[in-house]
Protein backbone atom coordinates (compact mmCIF):
# COMPACT_ATOMS: atom_id res chain seq x y z
CA UNK A 1 0.00 0.00 0.00
CA UNK A 2 1.59 3.31 1.07
CA UNK A 3 3.75 4.86 3.73
CA UNK A 4 2.04 7.91 5.22
CA UNK A 5 3.54 11.04 6.74
CA UNK A 6 3.40 10.92 10.54
CA UNK A 7 1.95 14.00 12.24
CA UNK A 8 4.50 15.55 14.61
CA UNK A 9 4.36 17.38 17.93
CA UNK A 10 2.74 20.79 17.59
CA UNK A 11 0.15 19.79 15.00
CA UNK A 12 -3.36 20.33 16.37
CA UNK A 13 -4.88 16.95 15.43
CA UNK A 14 -2.71 15.30 18.12
CA UNK A 15 -4.50 17.30 20.83
CA UNK A 16 -8.04 16.58 19.65
CA UNK A 17 -10.28 13.67 20.66
CA UNK A 18 -10.95 11.65 17.51
CA UNK A 19 -14.39 10.75 16.16
CA UNK A 20 -15.95 7.33 16.63
CA UNK A 21 -16.06 5.19 13.52
CA UNK A 22 -19.39 4.14 12.06
CA UNK A 23 -18.13 0.75 10.91
CA UNK A 24 -20.82 0.16 8.27
CA UNK A 25 -20.20 3.60 6.79
CA UNK A 26 -16.39 3.27 6.63
CA UNK A 27 -16.11 -0.48 6.05
CA UNK A 28 -14.89 -0.17 2.45
CA UNK A 29 -12.17 2.37 3.30
CA UNK A 30 -10.82 0.72 6.44
CA UNK A 31 -8.77 -2.07 4.86
CA UNK A 32 -6.71 0.42 2.80
CA UNK A 33 -6.23 2.78 5.76
CA UNK A 34 -5.15 -0.11 8.01
CA UNK A 35 -2.75 -1.47 5.36
CA UNK A 36 -1.19 2.00 5.02
CA UNK A 37 -0.89 2.24 8.80
CA UNK A 38 0.91 -1.11 9.05
CA UNK A 39 3.21 -0.13 6.14
CA UNK A 40 4.01 3.13 7.92
CA UNK A 41 4.53 1.42 11.28
CA UNK A 42 6.81 -1.24 9.80
CA UNK A 43 8.80 1.40 7.90
CA UNK A 44 9.42 3.40 11.09
CA UNK A 45 10.01 0.30 13.27
CA UNK A 46 7.35 1.48 15.72
CA UNK A 47 5.13 -0.53 18.04
CA UNK A 48 1.85 1.35 17.65
CA UNK A 49 0.20 3.96 15.48
CA UNK A 50 -3.10 5.80 15.77
CA UNK A 51 -5.07 7.23 12.86
CA UNK A 52 -4.67 10.82 14.05
CA UNK A 53 -0.90 10.33 13.78
CA UNK A 54 -1.40 10.07 10.01
CA UNK A 55 -3.86 12.96 9.96
CA UNK A 56 -7.16 11.04 10.18
CA UNK A 57 -9.81 12.10 12.71
CA UNK A 58 -11.08 8.58 13.49
CA UNK A 59 -10.81 6.17 16.43
CA UNK A 60 -8.51 3.57 14.93
CA UNK A 61 -5.18 2.28 16.23
CA UNK A 62 -2.84 -0.56 15.36
CA UNK A 63 -0.17 -2.35 17.36
CA UNK A 64 2.51 -4.63 15.95
CA UNK A 65 4.97 -6.20 18.32
CA UNK A 66 6.80 -9.32 19.30
CA UNK A 67 6.42 -10.64 22.83
CA UNK A 68 9.58 -12.66 23.35
CA UNK A 69 8.46 -13.91 26.78
CA UNK A 70 5.26 -15.42 25.35
CA UNK A 71 6.87 -16.22 21.98
CA UNK A 72 4.03 -14.40 20.19
CA UNK A 73 3.71 -11.76 17.49
CA UNK A 74 0.84 -9.33 17.75
CA UNK A 75 -0.75 -7.43 14.87
CA UNK A 76 -3.73 -5.79 16.51
CA UNK A 77 -6.35 -3.48 15.04
CA UNK A 78 -8.63 -1.65 17.47
CA UNK A 79 -11.58 0.48 16.37
CA UNK A 80 -13.42 2.71 18.88
CA UNK A 81 -11.39 1.25 21.78
CA UNK A 82 -12.14 1.79 25.44
CA UNK A 83 -10.11 0.75 28.45
CA UNK A 84 -12.66 -0.90 30.75
CA UNK A 85 -10.30 -1.77 33.60
CA UNK A 86 -6.77 -1.06 34.76
CA UNK A 87 -4.41 -3.12 36.87
CA UNK A 88 -3.62 -1.53 40.21
CA UNK A 89 0.14 -1.36 39.85
CA UNK A 90 1.67 1.60 38.06
CA UNK A 91 5.18 1.54 36.66
CA UNK A 92 7.35 4.28 35.21
CA UNK A 93 9.40 3.35 32.16
CA UNK A 94 10.93 5.05 29.16
CA UNK A 95 8.45 5.55 26.39
CA UNK A 96 8.79 6.88 22.86
CA UNK A 97 6.35 8.07 20.22
CA UNK A 98 6.49 8.28 16.42
CA UNK A 99 5.08 11.83 16.65
CA UNK A 100 8.13 12.77 18.78
CA UNK A 101 10.96 11.05 16.83
CA UNK A 102 13.94 10.15 18.99
CA UNK A 103 12.45 11.51 22.23
CA UNK A 104 12.14 9.08 25.14
CA UNK A 105 10.74 10.05 28.53
CA UNK A 106 9.65 8.21 31.66
CA UNK A 107 5.87 7.82 31.74
CA UNK A 108 3.68 6.17 34.38
CA UNK A 109 1.45 3.43 33.03
CA UNK A 110 -0.65 0.63 34.49
CA UNK A 111 0.92 -2.82 34.23
CA UNK A 112 -2.28 -4.35 32.87
CA UNK A 113 -5.48 -3.27 31.12
CA UNK A 114 -8.64 -4.70 29.63
CA UNK A 115 -9.70 -3.06 26.36
CA UNK A 116 -12.94 -3.43 24.43
CA UNK A 117 -13.05 -2.47 20.77
CA UNK A 118 -14.04 -3.61 17.31
CA UNK A 119 -11.52 -5.53 15.23
CA UNK A 120 -10.81 -4.94 11.53
CA UNK A 121 -13.90 -6.96 10.58
CA UNK A 122 -16.17 -4.94 12.89
CA UNK A 123 -16.46 -7.75 15.45
CA UNK A 124 -16.43 -6.77 19.15
CA UNK A 125 -13.28 -7.96 20.93
CA UNK A 126 -11.85 -7.80 24.42
CA UNK A 127 -8.10 -7.70 24.97
CA UNK A 128 -6.58 -8.53 28.36
CA UNK A 129 -3.03 -7.26 28.26
CA UNK A 130 -0.02 -6.83 30.50
CA UNK A 131 3.54 -5.63 30.04
CA UNK A 132 4.52 -3.93 26.80
CA UNK A 133 1.19 -4.68 25.13
CA UNK A 134 -0.69 -2.98 27.99
CA UNK A 135 1.63 0.02 27.74
CA UNK A 136 1.14 0.23 23.96
CA UNK A 137 -2.65 0.01 24.27
CA UNK A 138 -2.69 2.82 26.84
CA UNK A 139 -0.39 4.97 24.67
CA UNK A 140 -2.47 4.51 21.48
CA UNK A 141 -5.84 4.99 23.20
CA UNK A 142 -4.44 8.16 24.77
CA UNK A 143 -3.66 9.38 21.23
CA UNK A 144 -7.26 8.81 20.18
CA UNK A 145 -8.35 10.91 23.16
CA UNK A 146 -6.02 13.79 22.23
CA UNK A 147 -3.47 12.95 24.94
CA UNK A 148 0.19 12.74 23.97
CA UNK A 149 2.67 11.08 26.30
CA UNK A 150 4.18 14.41 27.36
CA UNK A 151 0.83 15.26 28.96
CA UNK A 152 1.42 12.30 31.30
CA UNK A 153 4.58 13.73 32.91
CA UNK A 154 4.76 16.04 35.96
CA UNK A 155 4.58 19.81 35.31
CA UNK A 156 8.15 20.39 36.53
CA UNK A 157 9.42 17.86 33.98
CA UNK A 158 7.31 19.51 31.22
CA UNK A 159 8.86 22.89 32.00
CA UNK A 160 12.35 21.39 31.86
CA UNK A 161 11.55 19.63 28.58
CA UNK A 162 10.06 22.69 26.84
CA UNK A 163 13.31 24.14 25.35
CA UNK A 164 14.25 20.71 24.00
CA UNK A 165 10.79 20.25 22.48
CA UNK A 166 10.91 23.66 20.79
CA UNK A 167 14.30 22.84 19.26
CA UNK A 168 13.21 19.37 18.14
CA UNK A 169 9.87 20.68 16.80
CA UNK A 170 11.79 22.69 14.17
CA UNK A 171 13.69 19.56 13.09
CA UNK A 172 10.60 17.35 13.11
CA UNK A 173 8.69 19.77 10.87
CA UNK A 174 10.88 18.70 7.94
CA UNK A 175 10.46 14.94 8.42
CA UNK A 176 8.07 13.29 5.97
CA UNK A 177 8.17 9.50 6.13
CA UNK A 178 6.11 9.19 2.94
CA UNK A 179 9.01 10.66 0.94
CA UNK A 180 11.85 8.70 2.55
CA UNK A 181 13.60 5.69 1.13
CA UNK A 182 13.77 2.62 3.41
CA UNK A 183 17.55 2.90 3.94
CA UNK A 184 17.21 6.50 5.24
CA UNK A 185 15.35 5.55 8.45
């Protein structure tokens, strides 16, 4: 399919709650959008990608990852997802985001979640996740709600990070994944 440009920090669509998908209405478009999202994610070597990160105002996210502990590969599509329960424990680990290339910050996340959504075929699913998959689900669902990972850090850390973000924002403005050759990334 196609590699899409990833929306970067500072672009307004990242701060806006996305619109629910009417599956019947969008059914014919979804397969192409999802294929483009997986192409883009694979090209950038990311773990997850939400539709608003490619400029689309819809509640759609994908996750592609390998869980070495469980010896499983995940290629997950979630439409109109909702986290219905969180594990009690919260951990703080480094986290990155394709909309903030090269930036990693410590973010607090729950160690487990239960998510309800529709899959690519419009069938209701429930995902019980822990570890990296739980973290990825929380990160991508945050995106769909207009919450970037920097909104999850303490205010003092945000203030400290601001000059770095302003400098990086200028560099990120010129990055367009859709025009890059695979060996460039």
